[in-house]
Amino acid sequence: MRTWAISIKVIKELFRDKRTLMLMFVAPLLILWLMSIMVSANSATKVKLATVGVDVGVVKKLDKFNGITVKKYASKTGAQRALKDNKVDGMIIQGDSRKYNVTYANTDATKTALTKAALKNILVQENISKMTQMVVQQQLIIAQLKAQLTGRAVPQNTSQSNQSQKEIKIQNYYNYGDDCESLYLPLHIAFLSTEN
């Protein structure tokens, strides 16, 4: 009975003391609200990329990627100057049709990771669309061969590709640090090759 009386007395004192109630209920809500503002302010990553000699399709897809804006440069020196002056966060130079040299400012790890993921994703999409075209071409060749075997005339397809699929190579360089990292995307399928 005595403990019940003491607990009632403590509860009455708590309700009379407004500062304690504020610290117990309002202060944690205020702290949680401030923390959510801090976390959400840094969640939107914006990346500016410089490109030199990159395929138009890849540039368009990169520019449409969420959080990435692309600026084309005519020369490698102009893109390097923009990277050095912190006008861009990364530079992509396409050597040949399957080799990409990517240099990162490497000032923000989230920007570097977003650039890597976006480029890899887009190159995989490009390769899948090329493979789809090759499959269609292979099906046309098979249909032509079947028609020739059965003696039916089928118009010849002149847009056959003799280029086999090679690995896509992404060479990564970092402005701050001597690390160099190569990424090979083995995106070729041997039976789709039309090489003679």
N, C-alpha and C. Protein backbone atom coordinates (compact mmCIF):
# COMPACT_ATOMS: atom_id res chain seq x y z
N MET A 1 0.82 -1.19 0.00
CA MET A 1 0.00 0.00 0.00
C MET A 1 0.87 1.26 0.00
N ARG A 2 1.98 1.16 0.74
CA ARG A 2 2.86 2.30 0.83
C ARG A 2 3.52 2.60 -0.52
N THR A 3 3.92 1.56 -1.28
CA THR A 3 4.53 1.76 -2.60
C THR A 3 3.54 2.40 -3.57
N TRP A 4 2.28 2.02 -3.43
CA TRP A 4 1.25 2.62 -4.29
C TRP A 4 1.12 4.12 -4.01
N ALA A 5 1.16 4.51 -2.79
CA ALA A 5 1.06 5.93 -2.41
C ALA A 5 2.28 6.71 -2.90
N ILE A 6 3.46 6.08 -2.80
CA ILE A 6 4.68 6.75 -3.27
C ILE A 6 4.64 6.93 -4.79
N SER A 7 4.20 5.91 -5.54
CA SER A 7 4.14 6.02 -7.00
C SER A 7 3.14 7.08 -7.44
N ILE A 8 2.00 7.18 -6.74
CA ILE A 8 1.01 8.24 -7.07
C ILE A 8 1.61 9.61 -6.81
N LYS A 9 2.35 9.74 -5.72
CA LYS A 9 2.98 11.01 -5.38
C LYS A 9 4.01 11.41 -6.45
N VAL A 10 4.82 10.45 -6.93
CA VAL A 10 5.84 10.72 -7.95
C VAL A 10 5.18 11.12 -9.28
N ILE A 11 4.10 10.45 -9.65
CA ILE A 11 3.39 10.77 -10.90
C ILE A 11 2.80 12.17 -10.83
N LYS A 12 2.23 12.55 -9.67
CA LYS A 12 1.69 13.90 -9.53
C LYS A 12 2.78 14.95 -9.64
N GLU A 13 3.94 14.68 -9.04
CA GLU A 13 5.05 15.62 -9.13
C GLU A 13 5.56 15.76 -10.57
N LEU A 14 5.56 14.64 -11.30
CA LEU A 14 6.00 14.68 -12.71
C LEU A 14 5.08 15.56 -13.55
N PHE A 15 3.79 15.43 -13.35
CA PHE A 15 2.84 16.22 -14.14
C PHE A 15 2.87 17.70 -13.76
N ARG A 16 3.29 18.00 -12.54
CA ARG A 16 3.39 19.40 -12.13
C ARG A 16 4.66 20.07 -12.70
N ASP A 17 5.72 19.26 -12.92
CA ASP A 17 7.00 19.79 -13.39
C ASP A 17 7.03 19.76 -14.93
N LYS A 18 6.79 20.92 -15.54
CA LYS A 18 6.69 21.01 -17.00
C LYS A 18 8.04 20.80 -17.68
N ARG A 19 9.11 21.21 -17.05
CA ARG A 19 10.44 21.05 -17.67
C ARG A 19 10.80 19.57 -17.82
N THR A 20 10.49 18.77 -16.85
CA THR A 20 10.78 17.34 -16.93
C THR A 20 9.96 16.68 -18.04
N LEU A 21 8.68 17.08 -18.12
CA LEU A 21 7.84 16.54 -19.19
C LEU A 21 8.39 16.91 -20.57
N MET A 22 8.86 18.15 -20.73
CA MET A 22 9.43 18.59 -22.00
C MET A 22 10.66 17.77 -22.34
N LEU A 23 11.53 17.56 -21.34
CA LEU A 23 12.74 16.78 -21.59
C LEU A 23 12.43 15.32 -21.92
N MET A 24 11.38 14.80 -21.34
CA MET A 24 11.04 13.39 -21.57
C MET A 24 10.37 13.15 -22.92
N PHE A 25 9.52 14.09 -23.37
CA PHE A 25 8.71 13.83 -24.55
C PHE A 25 9.06 14.72 -25.75
N VAL A 26 9.27 15.99 -25.54
CA VAL A 26 9.47 16.90 -26.67
C VAL A 26 10.92 16.90 -27.15
N ALA A 27 11.88 16.86 -26.24
CA ALA A 27 13.29 16.91 -26.62
C ALA A 27 13.69 15.74 -27.55
N PRO A 28 13.31 14.50 -27.27
CA PRO A 28 13.67 13.42 -28.20
C PRO A 28 13.05 13.60 -29.59
N LEU A 29 11.82 14.10 -29.64
CA LEU A 29 11.20 14.34 -30.94
C LEU A 29 11.94 15.43 -31.72
N LEU A 30 12.37 16.47 -31.02
CA LEU A 30 13.12 17.54 -31.65
C LEU A 30 14.47 17.04 -32.18
N ILE A 31 15.14 16.23 -31.40
CA ILE A 31 16.43 15.68 -31.82
C ILE A 31 16.26 14.76 -33.03
N LEU A 32 15.24 13.91 -33.03
CA LEU A 32 14.98 13.03 -34.18
C LEU A 32 14.68 13.84 -35.44
N TRP A 33 13.92 14.91 -35.30
CA TRP A 33 13.59 15.76 -36.45
C TRP A 33 14.85 16.41 -37.02
N LEU A 34 15.72 16.93 -36.14
CA LEU A 34 16.97 17.54 -36.60
C LEU A 34 17.89 16.53 -37.28
N MET A 35 17.95 15.32 -36.74
CA MET A 35 18.76 14.26 -37.35
C MET A 35 18.25 13.90 -38.75
N SER A 36 16.92 13.83 -38.91
CA SER A 36 16.37 13.49 -40.23
C SER A 36 16.68 14.59 -41.24
N ILE A 37 16.69 15.84 -40.82
CA ILE A 37 17.05 16.93 -41.73
C ILE A 37 18.52 16.80 -42.15
N MET A 38 19.39 16.48 -41.21
CA MET A 38 20.81 16.33 -41.53
C MET A 38 21.06 15.20 -42.50
N VAL A 39 20.42 14.07 -42.27
CA VAL A 39 20.64 12.91 -43.13
C VAL A 39 20.06 13.13 -44.52
N SER A 40 18.88 13.72 -44.62
CA SER A 40 18.26 13.91 -45.92
C SER A 40 18.94 14.99 -46.74
N ALA A 41 19.65 15.91 -46.12
CA ALA A 41 20.32 16.97 -46.86
C ALA A 41 21.47 16.43 -47.70
N ASN A 42 22.11 15.36 -47.26
CA ASN A 42 23.26 14.80 -47.98
C ASN A 42 22.89 13.64 -48.90
N SER A 43 21.63 13.31 -49.04
CA SER A 43 21.26 12.12 -49.80
C SER A 43 21.26 12.34 -51.31
N ALA A 44 21.09 13.57 -51.77
CA ALA A 44 21.06 13.84 -53.21
C ALA A 44 22.48 14.13 -53.70
N THR A 45 23.01 13.22 -54.51
CA THR A 45 24.35 13.36 -55.05
C THR A 45 24.26 13.87 -56.48
N LYS A 46 24.96 14.94 -56.78
CA LYS A 46 25.02 15.51 -58.13
C LYS A 46 26.43 15.35 -58.66
N VAL A 47 26.55 14.75 -59.84
CA VAL A 47 27.85 14.50 -60.45
C VAL A 47 27.91 15.18 -61.81
N LYS A 48 29.01 15.89 -62.06
CA LYS A 48 29.25 16.50 -63.37
C LYS A 48 30.40 15.74 -64.03
N LEU A 49 30.16 15.24 -65.25
CA LEU A 49 31.17 14.46 -65.95
C LEU A 49 31.58 15.14 -67.24
N ALA A 50 32.85 15.03 -67.57
CA ALA A 50 33.37 15.50 -68.85
C ALA A 50 33.61 14.27 -69.73
N THR A 51 33.20 14.35 -71.01
CA THR A 51 33.41 13.24 -71.92
C THR A 51 34.20 13.71 -73.13
N VAL A 52 35.09 12.83 -73.61
CA VAL A 52 35.88 13.10 -74.81
C VAL A 52 35.80 11.87 -75.70
N GLY A 53 35.17 12.02 -76.86
CA GLY A 53 35.11 10.93 -77.84
C GLY A 53 34.22 9.78 -77.45
N VAL A 54 33.30 9.97 -76.54
CA VAL A 54 32.41 8.89 -76.10
C VAL A 54 31.22 8.82 -77.06
N ASP A 55 30.76 7.58 -77.34
CA ASP A 55 29.63 7.38 -78.24
C ASP A 55 28.44 8.23 -77.82
N VAL A 56 27.70 8.73 -78.81
CA VAL A 56 26.56 9.60 -78.55
C VAL A 56 25.50 8.89 -77.71
N GLY A 57 25.25 7.61 -77.98
CA GLY A 57 24.25 6.86 -77.23
C GLY A 57 24.61 6.74 -75.76
N VAL A 58 25.88 6.50 -75.48
CA VAL A 58 26.34 6.39 -74.09
C VAL A 58 26.22 7.74 -73.38
N VAL A 59 26.58 8.83 -74.09
CA VAL A 59 26.49 10.17 -73.49
C VAL A 59 25.05 10.52 -73.17
N LYS A 60 24.13 10.22 -74.08
CA LYS A 60 22.71 10.52 -73.84
C LYS A 60 22.18 9.74 -72.64
N LYS A 61 22.55 8.46 -72.54
CA LYS A 61 22.08 7.66 -71.41
C LYS A 61 22.70 8.13 -70.10
N LEU A 62 23.97 8.54 -70.13
CA LEU A 62 24.61 9.07 -68.93
C LEU A 62 23.92 10.36 -68.48
N ASP A 63 23.59 11.21 -69.45
CA ASP A 63 22.96 12.49 -69.13
C ASP A 63 21.55 12.30 -68.56
N LYS A 64 20.88 11.22 -68.95
CA LYS A 64 19.54 10.94 -68.42
C LYS A 64 19.59 10.23 -67.07
N PHE A 65 20.76 9.72 -66.69
CA PHE A 65 20.91 9.00 -65.43
C PHE A 65 20.67 9.97 -64.28
N ASN A 66 19.96 9.52 -63.26
CA ASN A 66 19.57 10.39 -62.14
C ASN A 66 20.80 10.89 -61.37
N GLY A 67 20.97 12.22 -61.33
CA GLY A 67 22.05 12.83 -60.57
C GLY A 67 23.31 13.11 -61.38
N ILE A 68 23.31 12.79 -62.68
CA ILE A 68 24.51 12.98 -63.50
C ILE A 68 24.22 13.97 -64.61
N THR A 69 25.12 14.94 -64.78
CA THR A 69 25.08 15.84 -65.93
C THR A 69 26.39 15.68 -66.69
N VAL A 70 26.29 15.72 -68.02
CA VAL A 70 27.45 15.44 -68.87
C VAL A 70 27.75 16.67 -69.73
N LYS A 71 29.03 16.98 -69.84
CA LYS A 71 29.47 18.03 -70.74
C LYS A 71 30.52 17.44 -71.68
N LYS A 72 30.30 17.62 -72.99
CA LYS A 72 31.23 17.11 -73.99
C LYS A 72 32.38 18.10 -74.18
N TYR A 73 33.58 17.55 -74.29
CA TYR A 73 34.76 18.36 -74.58
C TYR A 73 35.38 17.86 -75.88
N ALA A 74 35.94 18.79 -76.64
CA ALA A 74 36.54 18.43 -77.92
C ALA A 74 37.91 17.77 -77.74
N SER A 75 38.63 18.17 -76.69
CA SER A 75 39.98 17.64 -76.51
C SER A 75 40.16 17.13 -75.08
N LYS A 76 41.16 16.28 -74.95
CA LYS A 76 41.49 15.72 -73.65
C LYS A 76 42.03 16.79 -72.71
N THR A 77 42.77 17.75 -73.26
CA THR A 77 43.37 18.80 -72.41
C THR A 77 42.30 19.70 -71.80
N GLY A 78 41.25 20.00 -72.56
CA GLY A 78 40.16 20.82 -72.02
C GLY A 78 39.44 20.11 -70.89
N ALA A 79 39.22 18.81 -71.04
CA ALA A 79 38.56 18.03 -69.99
C ALA A 79 39.45 17.91 -68.77
N GLN A 80 40.76 17.73 -68.99
CA GLN A 80 41.69 17.65 -67.85
C GLN A 80 41.76 18.97 -67.09
N ARG A 81 41.70 20.08 -67.82
CA ARG A 81 41.72 21.39 -67.18
C ARG A 81 40.46 21.57 -66.33
N ALA A 82 39.30 21.16 -66.87
CA ALA A 82 38.06 21.27 -66.11
C ALA A 82 38.09 20.40 -64.86
N LEU A 83 38.70 19.21 -64.97
CA LEU A 83 38.82 18.32 -63.81
C LEU A 83 39.77 18.93 -62.77
N LYS A 84 40.86 19.53 -63.24
CA LYS A 84 41.83 20.13 -62.33
C LYS A 84 41.23 21.35 -61.61
N ASP A 85 40.38 22.11 -62.32
CA ASP A 85 39.75 23.30 -61.74
C ASP A 85 38.48 22.98 -60.96
N ASN A 86 38.19 21.70 -60.76
CA ASN A 86 37.02 21.22 -60.02
C ASN A 86 35.70 21.66 -60.65
N LYS A 87 35.67 21.82 -61.96
CA LYS A 87 34.43 22.13 -62.66
C LYS A 87 33.64 20.84 -62.94
N VAL A 88 34.35 19.71 -63.00
CA VAL A 88 33.71 18.41 -63.19
C VAL A 88 34.24 17.45 -62.14
N ASP A 89 33.47 16.39 -61.90
CA ASP A 89 33.85 15.39 -60.89
C ASP A 89 34.53 14.17 -61.49
N GLY A 90 34.47 14.05 -62.80
CA GLY A 90 35.09 12.91 -63.46
C GLY A 90 35.23 13.17 -64.94
N MET A 91 36.10 12.38 -65.58
CA MET A 91 36.36 12.54 -67.01
C MET A 91 36.36 11.15 -67.65
N ILE A 92 35.58 11.00 -68.73
CA ILE A 92 35.51 9.71 -69.43
C ILE A 92 36.04 9.93 -70.84
N ILE A 93 37.07 9.15 -71.20
CA ILE A 93 37.65 9.21 -72.53
C ILE A 93 37.53 7.83 -73.16
N GLN A 94 36.95 7.79 -74.36
CA GLN A 94 36.78 6.51 -75.05
C GLN A 94 37.92 6.36 -76.04
N GLY A 95 38.75 5.33 -75.80
CA GLY A 95 39.89 5.09 -76.68
C GLY A 95 39.46 4.47 -78.00
N ASP A 96 38.87 3.31 -77.94
CA ASP A 96 38.27 2.69 -79.12
C ASP A 96 36.87 2.28 -78.74
N SER A 97 36.24 1.43 -79.52
CA SER A 97 34.83 1.13 -79.27
C SER A 97 34.61 0.35 -77.97
N ARG A 98 35.64 -0.25 -77.40
CA ARG A 98 35.45 -1.09 -76.22
C ARG A 98 36.32 -0.69 -75.03
N LYS A 99 37.06 0.43 -75.09
CA LYS A 99 37.95 0.81 -74.00
C LYS A 99 37.59 2.21 -73.50
N TYR A 100 37.38 2.33 -72.20
CA TYR A 100 37.03 3.60 -71.57
C TYR A 100 38.04 3.90 -70.48
N ASN A 101 38.64 5.09 -70.55
CA ASN A 101 39.53 5.57 -69.49
C ASN A 101 38.75 6.58 -68.67
N VAL A 102 38.58 6.29 -67.38
CA VAL A 102 37.79 7.15 -66.51
C VAL A 102 38.71 7.69 -65.41
N THR A 103 38.75 9.02 -65.30
CA THR A 103 39.53 9.67 -64.25
C THR A 103 38.56 10.36 -63.30
N TYR A 104 38.71 10.08 -62.01
CA TYR A 104 37.82 10.64 -61.00
C TYR A 104 38.55 11.72 -60.22
N ALA A 105 37.83 12.80 -59.87
CA ALA A 105 38.41 13.82 -58.99
C ALA A 105 38.67 13.21 -57.62
N ASN A 106 37.86 12.22 -57.25
CA ASN A 106 38.03 11.45 -56.01
C ASN A 106 37.97 12.31 -54.77
N THR A 107 37.16 13.38 -54.83
CA THR A 107 36.98 14.23 -53.65
C THR A 107 35.81 13.76 -52.81
N ASP A 108 34.89 13.02 -53.42
CA ASP A 108 33.70 12.52 -52.72
C ASP A 108 33.47 11.07 -53.15
N ALA A 109 33.51 10.17 -52.19
CA ALA A 109 33.38 8.75 -52.51
C ALA A 109 32.02 8.41 -53.11
N THR A 110 30.96 9.12 -52.71
CA THR A 110 29.64 8.82 -53.27
C THR A 110 29.56 9.22 -54.74
N LYS A 111 30.23 10.30 -55.13
CA LYS A 111 30.24 10.70 -56.54
C LYS A 111 31.03 9.70 -57.38
N THR A 112 32.14 9.22 -56.85
CA THR A 112 32.93 8.22 -57.55
C THR A 112 32.14 6.94 -57.72
N ALA A 113 31.47 6.50 -56.66
CA ALA A 113 30.68 5.26 -56.73
C ALA A 113 29.50 5.40 -57.69
N LEU A 114 28.84 6.57 -57.68
CA LEU A 114 27.71 6.79 -58.59
C LEU A 114 28.17 6.77 -60.04
N THR A 115 29.31 7.39 -60.32
CA THR A 115 29.85 7.40 -61.68
C THR A 115 30.19 6.00 -62.14
N LYS A 116 30.86 5.23 -61.28
CA LYS A 116 31.21 3.84 -61.64
C LYS A 116 29.97 3.02 -61.93
N ALA A 117 28.98 3.10 -61.05
CA ALA A 117 27.76 2.31 -61.22
C ALA A 117 27.00 2.72 -62.47
N ALA A 118 26.91 4.02 -62.72
CA ALA A 118 26.17 4.50 -63.90
C ALA A 118 26.84 4.06 -65.18
N LEU A 119 28.16 4.21 -65.27
CA LEU A 119 28.87 3.83 -66.50
C LEU A 119 28.78 2.33 -66.74
N LYS A 120 28.97 1.55 -65.70
CA LYS A 120 28.89 0.09 -65.85
C LYS A 120 27.48 -0.32 -66.29
N ASN A 121 26.46 0.26 -65.67
CA ASN A 121 25.07 -0.05 -66.00
C ASN A 121 24.77 0.29 -67.46
N ILE A 122 25.19 1.45 -67.90
CA ILE A 122 24.90 1.89 -69.27
C ILE A 122 25.65 1.06 -70.29
N LEU A 123 26.90 0.71 -70.00
CA LEU A 123 27.66 -0.11 -70.94
C LEU A 123 27.07 -1.52 -71.04
N VAL A 124 26.55 -2.04 -69.94
CA VAL A 124 25.88 -3.34 -69.99
C VAL A 124 24.62 -3.25 -70.84
N GLN A 125 23.85 -2.17 -70.68
CA GLN A 125 22.64 -1.97 -71.50
C GLN A 125 22.99 -1.87 -72.98
N GLU A 126 24.05 -1.11 -73.30
CA GLU A 126 24.48 -0.97 -74.69
C GLU A 126 24.88 -2.32 -75.27
N ASN A 127 25.61 -3.10 -74.48
CA ASN A 127 26.06 -4.40 -74.96
C ASN A 127 24.89 -5.35 -75.16
N ILE A 128 23.90 -5.29 -74.29
CA ILE A 128 22.72 -6.14 -74.44
C ILE A 128 21.96 -5.78 -75.71
N SER A 129 21.84 -4.47 -76.00
CA SER A 129 21.13 -4.08 -77.22
C SER A 129 21.90 -4.53 -78.46
N LYS A 130 23.24 -4.47 -78.42
CA LYS A 130 24.04 -4.95 -79.55
C LYS A 130 23.89 -6.46 -79.71
N MET A 131 23.85 -7.18 -78.59
CA MET A 131 23.67 -8.63 -78.67
C MET A 131 22.30 -8.98 -79.23
N THR A 132 21.29 -8.20 -78.86
CA THR A 132 19.95 -8.43 -79.38
C THR A 132 19.94 -8.25 -80.89
N GLN A 133 20.63 -7.22 -81.37
CA GLN A 133 20.72 -7.02 -82.81
C GLN A 133 21.45 -8.18 -83.48
N MET A 134 22.50 -8.68 -82.82
CA MET A 134 23.23 -9.81 -83.39
C MET A 134 22.36 -11.06 -83.44
N VAL A 135 21.53 -11.27 -82.42
CA VAL A 135 20.63 -12.43 -82.41
C VAL A 135 19.65 -12.33 -83.58
N VAL A 136 19.13 -11.13 -83.82
CA VAL A 136 18.21 -10.94 -84.95
C VAL A 136 18.93 -11.23 -86.26
N GLN A 137 20.17 -10.75 -86.38
CA GLN A 137 20.94 -11.03 -87.59
C GLN A 137 21.20 -12.53 -87.75
N GLN A 138 21.52 -13.19 -86.65
CA GLN A 138 21.75 -14.64 -86.71
C GLN A 138 20.49 -15.38 -87.13
N GLN A 139 19.34 -14.92 -86.63
CA GLN A 139 18.08 -15.55 -87.02
C GLN A 139 17.80 -15.35 -88.51
N LEU A 140 18.13 -14.17 -89.04
CA LEU A 140 17.98 -13.94 -90.48
C LEU A 140 18.89 -14.84 -91.29
N ILE A 141 20.12 -15.01 -90.82
CA ILE A 141 21.07 -15.90 -91.52
C ILE A 141 20.56 -17.34 -91.50
N ILE A 142 20.04 -17.76 -90.35
CA ILE A 142 19.50 -19.13 -90.26
C ILE A 142 18.30 -19.30 -91.19
N ALA A 143 17.43 -18.28 -91.24
CA ALA A 143 16.28 -18.35 -92.13
C ALA A 143 16.73 -18.41 -93.59
N GLN A 144 17.77 -17.66 -93.94
CA GLN A 144 18.28 -17.68 -95.31
C GLN A 144 18.87 -19.05 -95.65
N LEU A 145 19.61 -19.62 -94.70
CA LEU A 145 20.20 -20.94 -94.94
C LEU A 145 19.12 -22.01 -95.09
N LYS A 146 18.08 -21.94 -94.26
CA LYS A 146 16.98 -22.89 -94.38
C LYS A 146 16.28 -22.74 -95.73
N ALA A 147 16.11 -21.49 -96.14
CA ALA A 147 15.45 -21.24 -97.42
C ALA A 147 16.29 -21.75 -98.59
N GLN A 148 17.60 -21.59 -98.48
CA GLN A 148 18.47 -22.09 -99.54
C GLN A 148 18.45 -23.61 -99.59
N LEU A 149 18.37 -24.25 -98.43
CA LEU A 149 18.31 -25.71 -98.39
C LEU A 149 17.01 -26.25 -98.97
N THR A 150 15.93 -25.54 -98.75
CA THR A 150 14.64 -26.00 -99.27
C THR A 150 14.37 -25.49 -100.67
N GLY A 151 15.20 -24.61 -101.20
CA GLY A 151 15.07 -24.15 -102.57
C GLY A 151 14.21 -22.91 -102.72
N ARG A 152 13.76 -22.30 -101.63
CA ARG A 152 12.98 -21.06 -101.74
C ARG A 152 13.92 -19.87 -101.82
N ALA A 153 13.47 -18.84 -102.52
CA ALA A 153 14.28 -17.62 -102.66
C ALA A 153 13.94 -16.66 -101.53
N VAL A 154 14.97 -16.19 -100.86
CA VAL A 154 14.81 -15.23 -99.78
C VAL A 154 15.75 -14.06 -100.06
N PRO A 155 15.29 -12.82 -99.93
CA PRO A 155 16.18 -11.68 -100.18
C PRO A 155 17.38 -11.69 -99.22
N GLN A 156 18.54 -11.36 -99.75
CA GLN A 156 19.78 -11.37 -98.96
C GLN A 156 19.83 -10.16 -98.05
N ASN A 157 20.32 -10.37 -96.85
CA ASN A 157 20.48 -9.28 -95.89
C ASN A 157 21.91 -8.78 -96.01
N THR A 158 22.07 -7.53 -96.40
CA THR A 158 23.41 -6.98 -96.60
C THR A 158 23.99 -6.34 -95.35
N SER A 159 23.22 -6.24 -94.29
CA SER A 159 23.71 -5.56 -93.08
C SER A 159 24.24 -6.53 -92.04
N GLN A 160 24.92 -7.58 -92.51
CA GLN A 160 25.48 -8.54 -91.56
C GLN A 160 26.76 -7.98 -90.97
N SER A 161 26.93 -8.23 -89.69
CA SER A 161 28.10 -7.72 -89.00
C SER A 161 29.14 -8.82 -88.89
N ASN A 162 30.39 -8.50 -89.26
CA ASN A 162 31.48 -9.46 -89.14
C ASN A 162 32.32 -9.18 -87.90
N GLN A 163 31.84 -8.31 -87.05
CA GLN A 163 32.59 -7.94 -85.85
C GLN A 163 32.15 -8.79 -84.68
N SER A 164 33.10 -9.44 -84.04
CA SER A 164 32.77 -10.26 -82.88
C SER A 164 32.72 -9.39 -81.63
N GLN A 165 32.01 -9.87 -80.63
CA GLN A 165 31.90 -9.13 -79.38
C GLN A 165 33.20 -9.31 -78.59
N LYS A 166 33.73 -8.21 -78.12
CA LYS A 166 34.93 -8.23 -77.29
C LYS A 166 34.57 -7.76 -75.89
N GLU A 167 35.51 -7.93 -74.98
CA GLU A 167 35.28 -7.45 -73.63
C GLU A 167 35.34 -5.94 -73.59
N ILE A 168 34.49 -5.35 -72.77
CA ILE A 168 34.54 -3.92 -72.53
C ILE A 168 35.56 -3.70 -71.42
N LYS A 169 36.47 -2.76 -71.63
CA LYS A 169 37.50 -2.49 -70.63
C LYS A 169 37.32 -1.08 -70.09
N ILE A 170 37.19 -0.98 -68.78
CA ILE A 170 37.10 0.32 -68.12
C ILE A 170 38.35 0.47 -67.25
N GLN A 171 39.18 1.46 -67.60
CA GLN A 171 40.40 1.73 -66.83
C GLN A 171 40.11 2.92 -65.92
N ASN A 172 40.19 2.73 -64.61
CA ASN A 172 39.87 3.78 -63.64
C ASN A 172 41.14 4.41 -63.10
N TYR A 173 41.16 5.75 -63.11
CA TYR A 173 42.26 6.52 -62.53
C TYR A 173 41.69 7.48 -61.49
N TYR A 174 42.50 7.78 -60.48
CA TYR A 174 42.05 8.66 -59.41
C TYR A 174 43.02 9.82 -59.27
N ASN A 175 42.48 11.04 -59.19
CA ASN A 175 43.33 12.22 -59.07
C ASN A 175 44.13 12.23 -57.78
N TYR A 176 43.52 11.82 -56.69
CA TYR A 176 44.21 11.82 -55.40
C TYR A 176 44.57 10.40 -55.04
N GLY A 177 45.79 10.04 -55.35
CA GLY A 177 46.26 8.68 -55.11
C GLY A 177 46.75 8.09 -56.41
N ASP A 178 47.64 7.15 -56.31
CA ASP A 178 48.23 6.55 -57.50
C ASP A 178 47.52 5.26 -57.92
N ASP A 179 46.36 5.00 -57.32
CA ASP A 179 45.67 3.77 -57.64
C ASP A 179 45.18 3.79 -59.08
N CYS A 180 45.32 2.67 -59.72
CA CYS A 180 44.78 2.49 -61.06
C CYS A 180 44.08 1.14 -61.04
N GLU A 181 42.89 1.10 -61.52
CA GLU A 181 42.10 -0.12 -61.41
C GLU A 181 41.45 -0.42 -62.75
N SER A 182 41.53 -1.66 -63.18
CA SER A 182 40.92 -2.05 -64.45
C SER A 182 39.70 -2.91 -64.18
N LEU A 183 38.70 -2.70 -64.98
CA LEU A 183 37.48 -3.48 -64.86
C LEU A 183 37.16 -4.04 -66.23
N TYR A 184 37.08 -5.35 -66.32
CA TYR A 184 36.72 -5.98 -67.58
C TYR A 184 35.30 -6.48 -67.46
N LEU A 185 34.49 -6.14 -68.41
CA LEU A 185 33.12 -6.63 -68.44
C LEU A 185 33.04 -7.71 -69.51
N PRO A 186 33.13 -8.97 -69.12
CA PRO A 186 33.10 -10.04 -70.13
C PRO A 186 31.68 -10.24 -70.62
N LEU A 187 31.29 -9.41 -71.57
CA LEU A 187 29.91 -9.40 -72.03
C LEU A 187 29.79 -9.98 -73.43
N HIS A 188 30.66 -10.89 -73.79
CA HIS A 188 30.53 -11.48 -75.11
C HIS A 188 29.97 -12.88 -74.97
N ILE A 189 29.28 -13.31 -76.00
CA ILE A 189 28.75 -14.67 -76.05
C ILE A 189 29.35 -15.31 -77.29
N ALA A 190 30.05 -16.41 -77.10
CA ALA A 190 30.85 -16.99 -78.18
C ALA A 190 30.00 -17.38 -79.38
N PHE A 191 28.82 -17.96 -79.16
CA PHE A 191 28.05 -18.45 -80.30
C PHE A 191 27.40 -17.32 -81.09
N LEU A 192 27.44 -16.09 -80.58
CA LEU A 192 26.90 -14.97 -81.35
C LEU A 192 27.92 -14.37 -82.28
N SER A 193 29.16 -14.80 -82.17
CA SER A 193 30.20 -14.26 -83.00
C SER A 193 29.99 -14.65 -84.45
N THR A 194 30.10 -13.66 -85.35
CA THR A 194 29.94 -13.94 -86.78
C THR A 194 31.27 -13.84 -87.50
N GLU A 195 32.34 -13.95 -86.75
CA GLU A 195 33.67 -13.83 -87.34
C GLU A 195 33.96 -15.06 -88.17
N ASN A 196 34.50 -14.86 -89.37
CA ASN A 196 34.79 -16.00 -90.28
C ASN A 196 36.19 -16.50 -90.07
